[in-house]
C-alpha cells in the first residue's frame, strides 16, 4: 500500500474526530438550531470520509478504515485531554466555565448520533468503490 492511501486513511480519522469537536463548539454557541448544525455537519463529514475511504477494491477501503481507527482514537484522546470544547467555549464566550451535567449528557447523545451517522460514510465508500470496480472490470474486457 502506498503512502497516499495511508495518508488518506489517517486523514479520515483526524477529519472525523476534529469535525465532531468543532461541531460541539458550534452547537453550544448556537443553541437555537443545535440539532440542525449537528445533522448538517454529520452528513457532510461522513460524505467526505466516505469519499476518502473509497478505493479500487473493498480490501483497500477496509485497510484505509483500519488505519483511520488508531489515528482517530489518538486524535480523540488529544482533544479530550486538552479540554478542547471548554477551551474554545471560554475563548469565544468569556467566563463560560464548564459544561453542566445536562451539557455533558447532550455531548454524549450527540457523540452517539455522530457515530451512528457513520453509516453514511460506509454507504458512500461502498458505492464509489463498487463504481470503480465496475469501471475497472469493464475496461479489462
C-alpha atoms as a PDB file:
ATOM      1  CA  UNK A   1       0.000   0.000   0.000  1.00  0.00           C
ATOM      2  CA  UNK A   2       1.477   3.340  -0.972  1.00  0.00           C
ATOM      3  CA  UNK A   3       1.911   6.375   1.249  1.00  0.00           C
ATOM      4  CA  UNK A   4      -1.033   8.282  -0.318  1.00  0.00           C
ATOM      5  CA  UNK A   5      -3.501   5.588   0.756  1.00  0.00           C
ATOM      6  CA  UNK A   6      -2.044   5.543   4.250  1.00  0.00           C
ATOM      7  CA  UNK A   7      -2.306   9.337   4.448  1.00  0.00           C
ATOM      8  CA  UNK A   8      -5.936   9.203   3.256  1.00  0.00           C
ATOM      9  CA  UNK A   9      -6.723   6.643   5.957  1.00  0.00           C
ATOM     10  CA  UNK A  10      -5.065   8.789   8.603  1.00  0.00           C
ATOM     11  CA  UNK A  11      -6.910  11.876   7.340  1.00  0.00           C
ATOM     12  CA  UNK A  12     -10.230  10.064   7.763  1.00  0.00           C
ATOM     13  CA  UNK A  13      -9.650   9.592  11.483  1.00  0.00           C
ATOM     14  CA  UNK A  14      -8.439  13.149  12.033  1.00  0.00           C
ATOM     15  CA  UNK A  15     -11.223  14.748   9.971  1.00  0.00           C
ATOM     16  CA  UNK A  16     -13.945  12.716  11.634  1.00  0.00           C
ATOM     17  CA  UNK A  17     -12.913  13.421  15.229  1.00  0.00           C
ATOM     18  CA  UNK A  18     -11.988  17.066  14.562  1.00  0.00           C
ATOM     19  CA  UNK A  19     -15.325  17.667  12.894  1.00  0.00           C
ATOM     20  CA  UNK A  20     -17.138  16.253  15.908  1.00  0.00           C
ATOM     21  CA  UNK A  21     -15.344  18.522  18.368  1.00  0.00           C
ATOM     22  CA  UNK A  22     -15.751  21.661  16.244  1.00  0.00           C
ATOM     23  CA  UNK A  23     -19.436  20.799  15.808  1.00  0.00           C
ATOM     24  CA  UNK A  24     -19.804  20.599  19.588  1.00  0.00           C
ATOM     25  CA  UNK A  25     -18.276  24.063  19.949  1.00  0.00           C
ATOM     26  CA  UNK A  26     -20.726  25.444  17.347  1.00  0.00           C
ATOM     27  CA  UNK A  27     -23.631  23.611  18.967  1.00  0.00           C
ATOM     28  CA  UNK A  28     -23.022  25.090  22.397  1.00  0.00           C
ATOM     29  CA  UNK A  29     -22.632  28.582  20.915  1.00  0.00           C
ATOM     30  CA  UNK A  30     -25.752  28.494  18.705  1.00  0.00           C
ATOM     31  CA  UNK A  31     -28.251  26.746  20.939  1.00  0.00           C
ATOM     32  CA  UNK A  32     -31.259  27.794  18.798  1.00  0.00           C
ATOM     33  CA  UNK A  33     -30.605  25.317  15.982  1.00  0.00           C
ATOM     34  CA  UNK A  34     -28.178  22.893  17.590  1.00  0.00           C
ATOM     35  CA  UNK A  35     -29.609  19.702  16.089  1.00  0.00           C
ATOM     36  CA  UNK A  36     -29.587  21.252  12.611  1.00  0.00           C
ATOM     37  CA  UNK A  37     -25.892  22.071  12.983  1.00  0.00           C
ATOM     38  CA  UNK A  38     -25.120  18.535  14.127  1.00  0.00           C
ATOM     39  CA  UNK A  39     -27.204  16.959  11.365  1.00  0.00           C
ATOM     40  CA  UNK A  40     -25.597  19.035   8.612  1.00  0.00           C
ATOM     41  CA  UNK A  41     -22.096  18.538   9.990  1.00  0.00           C
ATOM     42  CA  UNK A  42     -22.559  14.788  10.404  1.00  0.00           C
ATOM     43  CA  UNK A  43     -23.863  14.367   6.856  1.00  0.00           C
ATOM     44  CA  UNK A  44     -21.120  16.457   5.238  1.00  0.00           C
ATOM     45  CA  UNK A  45     -18.329  14.919   7.302  1.00  0.00           C
ATOM     46  CA  UNK A  46     -19.448  11.384   6.580  1.00  0.00           C
ATOM     47  CA  UNK A  47     -19.725  12.044   2.849  1.00  0.00           C
ATOM     48  CA  UNK A  48     -16.161  13.408   2.849  1.00  0.00           C
ATOM     49  CA  UNK A  49     -14.870  10.462   4.886  1.00  0.00           C
ATOM     50  CA  UNK A  50     -16.736   8.032   2.604  1.00  0.00           C
ATOM     51  CA  UNK A  51     -15.101   9.578  -0.456  1.00  0.00           C
ATOM     52  CA  UNK A  52     -11.683   9.330   1.194  1.00  0.00           C
ATOM     53  CA  UNK A  53     -12.225   5.687   2.119  1.00  0.00           C
ATOM     54  CA  UNK A  54     -13.435   4.693  -1.370  1.00  0.00           C
ATOM     55  CA  UNK A  55     -10.758   2.761  -3.202  1.00  0.00           C
ATOM     56  CA  UNK A  56     -10.215   0.446  -6.137  1.00  0.00           C
ATOM     57  CA  UNK A  57     -11.210  -2.599  -4.072  1.00  0.00           C
ATOM     58  CA  UNK A  58     -13.110  -3.330  -0.902  1.00  0.00           C
ATOM     59  CA  UNK A  59      -9.934  -4.678   0.689  1.00  0.00           C
ATOM     60  CA  UNK A  60      -8.109  -1.356   0.236  1.00  0.00           C
ATOM     61  CA  UNK A  61     -11.145   0.509   1.579  1.00  0.00           C
ATOM     62  CA  UNK A  62     -11.083  -1.770   4.622  1.00  0.00           C
ATOM     63  CA  UNK A  63      -7.359  -1.079   5.094  1.00  0.00           C
ATOM     64  CA  UNK A  64      -7.977   2.669   4.992  1.00  0.00           C
ATOM     65  CA  UNK A  65     -10.690   2.297   7.600  1.00  0.00           C
ATOM     66  CA  UNK A  66      -8.387   0.198   9.807  1.00  0.00           C
ATOM     67  CA  UNK A  67      -5.658   2.847   9.517  1.00  0.00           C
ATOM     68  CA  UNK A  68      -8.138   5.567  10.473  1.00  0.00           C
ATOM     69  CA  UNK A  69      -9.122   3.866  13.758  1.00  0.00           C
ATOM     70  CA  UNK A  70      -5.904   4.340  15.784  1.00  0.00           C
ATOM     71  CA  UNK A  71      -5.382   7.831  14.373  1.00  0.00           C
ATOM     72  CA  UNK A  72      -8.962   8.760  15.273  1.00  0.00           C
ATOM     73  CA  UNK A  73      -8.547   7.379  18.794  1.00  0.00           C
ATOM     74  CA  UNK A  74      -5.298   9.304  19.283  1.00  0.00           C
ATOM     75  CA  UNK A  75      -6.936  12.483  17.972  1.00  0.00           C
ATOM     76  CA  UNK A  76      -9.911  11.959  20.292  1.00  0.00           C
ATOM     77  CA  UNK A  77      -7.640  11.491  23.302  1.00  0.00           C
ATOM     78  CA  UNK A  78      -5.656  14.627  22.440  1.00  0.00           C
ATOM     79  CA  UNK A  79      -8.828  16.711  22.131  1.00  0.00           C
ATOM     80  CA  UNK A  80     -10.227  15.277  25.344  1.00  0.00           C
ATOM     81  CA  UNK A  81      -7.061  15.769  27.379  1.00  0.00           C
ATOM     82  CA  UNK A  82      -6.681  19.370  26.221  1.00  0.00           C
ATOM     83  CA  UNK A  83     -10.334  20.163  27.093  1.00  0.00           C
ATOM     84  CA  UNK A  84     -10.826  21.406  23.554  1.00  0.00           C
ATOM     85  CA  UNK A  85     -14.548  22.175  23.835  1.00  0.00           C
ATOM     86  CA  UNK A  86     -14.192  24.087  27.115  1.00  0.00           C
ATOM     87  CA  UNK A  87     -11.127  25.961  25.909  1.00  0.00           C
ATOM     88  CA  UNK A  88     -12.844  27.289  22.779  1.00  0.00           C
ATOM     89  CA  UNK A  89     -16.143  27.986  24.529  1.00  0.00           C
ATOM     90  CA  UNK A  90     -14.284  30.097  27.080  1.00  0.00           C
ATOM     91  CA  UNK A  91     -12.292  31.816  24.306  1.00  0.00           C
ATOM     92  CA  UNK A  92     -15.424  32.704  22.348  1.00  0.00           C
ATOM     93  CA  UNK A  93     -17.724  33.476  25.282  1.00  0.00           C
ATOM     94  CA  UNK A  94     -15.655  34.899  28.138  1.00  0.00           C
ATOM     95  CA  UNK A  95     -16.384  33.309  31.507  1.00  0.00           C
ATOM     96  CA  UNK A  96     -18.358  30.347  30.124  1.00  0.00           C
ATOM     97  CA  UNK A  97     -16.833  27.939  32.640  1.00  0.00           C
ATOM     98  CA  UNK A  98     -17.531  24.213  32.317  1.00  0.00           C
ATOM     99  CA  UNK A  99     -20.443  22.285  30.891  1.00  0.00           C
ATOM    100  CA  UNK A 100     -23.302  21.494  33.223  1.00  0.00           C
ATOM    101  CA  UNK A 101     -24.479  17.935  33.760  1.00  0.00           C
ATOM    102  CA  UNK A 102     -27.078  18.468  31.040  1.00  0.00           C
ATOM    103  CA  UNK A 103     -24.436  19.741  28.646  1.00  0.00           C
ATOM    104  CA  UNK A 104     -22.251  16.698  29.273  1.00  0.00           C
ATOM    105  CA  UNK A 105     -25.258  14.417  28.666  1.00  0.00           C
ATOM    106  CA  UNK A 106     -26.016  16.264  25.440  1.00  0.00           C
ATOM    107  CA  UNK A 107     -22.398  15.812  24.376  1.00  0.00           C
ATOM    108  CA  UNK A 108     -22.721  12.055  24.927  1.00  0.00           C
ATOM    109  CA  UNK A 109     -26.024  11.955  22.994  1.00  0.00           C
ATOM    110  CA  UNK A 110     -24.504  13.902  20.106  1.00  0.00           C
ATOM    111  CA  UNK A 111     -21.475  11.587  20.047  1.00  0.00           C
ATOM    112  CA  UNK A 112     -23.735   8.546  19.757  1.00  0.00           C
ATOM    113  CA  UNK A 113     -25.692  10.224  16.944  1.00  0.00           C
ATOM    114  CA  UNK A 114     -22.449  11.149  15.192  1.00  0.00           C
ATOM    115  CA  UNK A 115     -21.166   7.584  15.418  1.00  0.00           C
ATOM    116  CA  UNK A 116     -24.455   6.160  14.134  1.00  0.00           C
ATOM    117  CA  UNK A 117     -24.350   8.516  11.177  1.00  0.00           C
ATOM    118  CA  UNK A 118     -21.089   6.826  10.137  1.00  0.00           C
ATOM    119  CA  UNK A 119     -23.377   4.573   8.092  1.00  0.00           C
ATOM    120  CA  UNK A 120     -23.454   7.421   5.553  1.00  0.00           C
ATOM    121  CA  UNK A 121     -19.667   7.112   5.152  1.00  0.00           C
ATOM    122  CA  UNK A 122     -19.930   3.349   4.759  1.00  0.00           C
ATOM    123  CA  UNK A 123     -22.656   3.605   2.116  1.00  0.00           C
ATOM    124  CA  UNK A 124     -20.740   6.314   0.230  1.00  0.00           C
ATOM    125  CA  UNK A 125     -17.478   4.370   0.254  1.00  0.00           C
ATOM    126  CA  UNK A 126     -19.124   1.106  -0.810  1.00  0.00           C
ATOM    127  CA  UNK A 127     -20.997   2.844  -3.630  1.00  0.00           C
ATOM    128  CA  UNK A 128     -17.934   4.596  -5.033  1.00  0.00           C
ATOM    129  CA  UNK A 129     -15.741   1.517  -4.564  1.00  0.00           C
ATOM    130  CA  UNK A 130     -18.286  -0.564  -6.495  1.00  0.00           C
ATOM    131  CA  UNK A 131     -18.309   2.059  -9.250  1.00  0.00           C
ATOM    132  CA  UNK A 132     -14.512   1.863  -9.525  1.00  0.00           C
ATOM    133  CA  UNK A 133     -14.608  -1.947  -9.567  1.00  0.00           C
ATOM    134  CA  UNK A 134     -17.221  -1.945 -12.357  1.00  0.00           C
ATOM    135  CA  UNK A 135     -15.258   0.622 -14.347  1.00  0.00           C
ATOM    136  CA  UNK A 136     -12.003  -1.328 -13.978  1.00  0.00           C
ATOM    137  CA  UNK A 137     -13.694  -4.632 -14.814  1.00  0.00           C
ATOM    138  CA  UNK A 138     -15.389  -3.215 -17.941  1.00  0.00           C
ATOM    139  CA  UNK A 139     -12.094  -1.644 -19.120  1.00  0.00           C
ATOM    140  CA  UNK A 140     -10.309  -5.008 -18.830  1.00  0.00           C
ATOM    141  CA  UNK A 141     -12.846  -6.732 -21.083  1.00  0.00           C
END
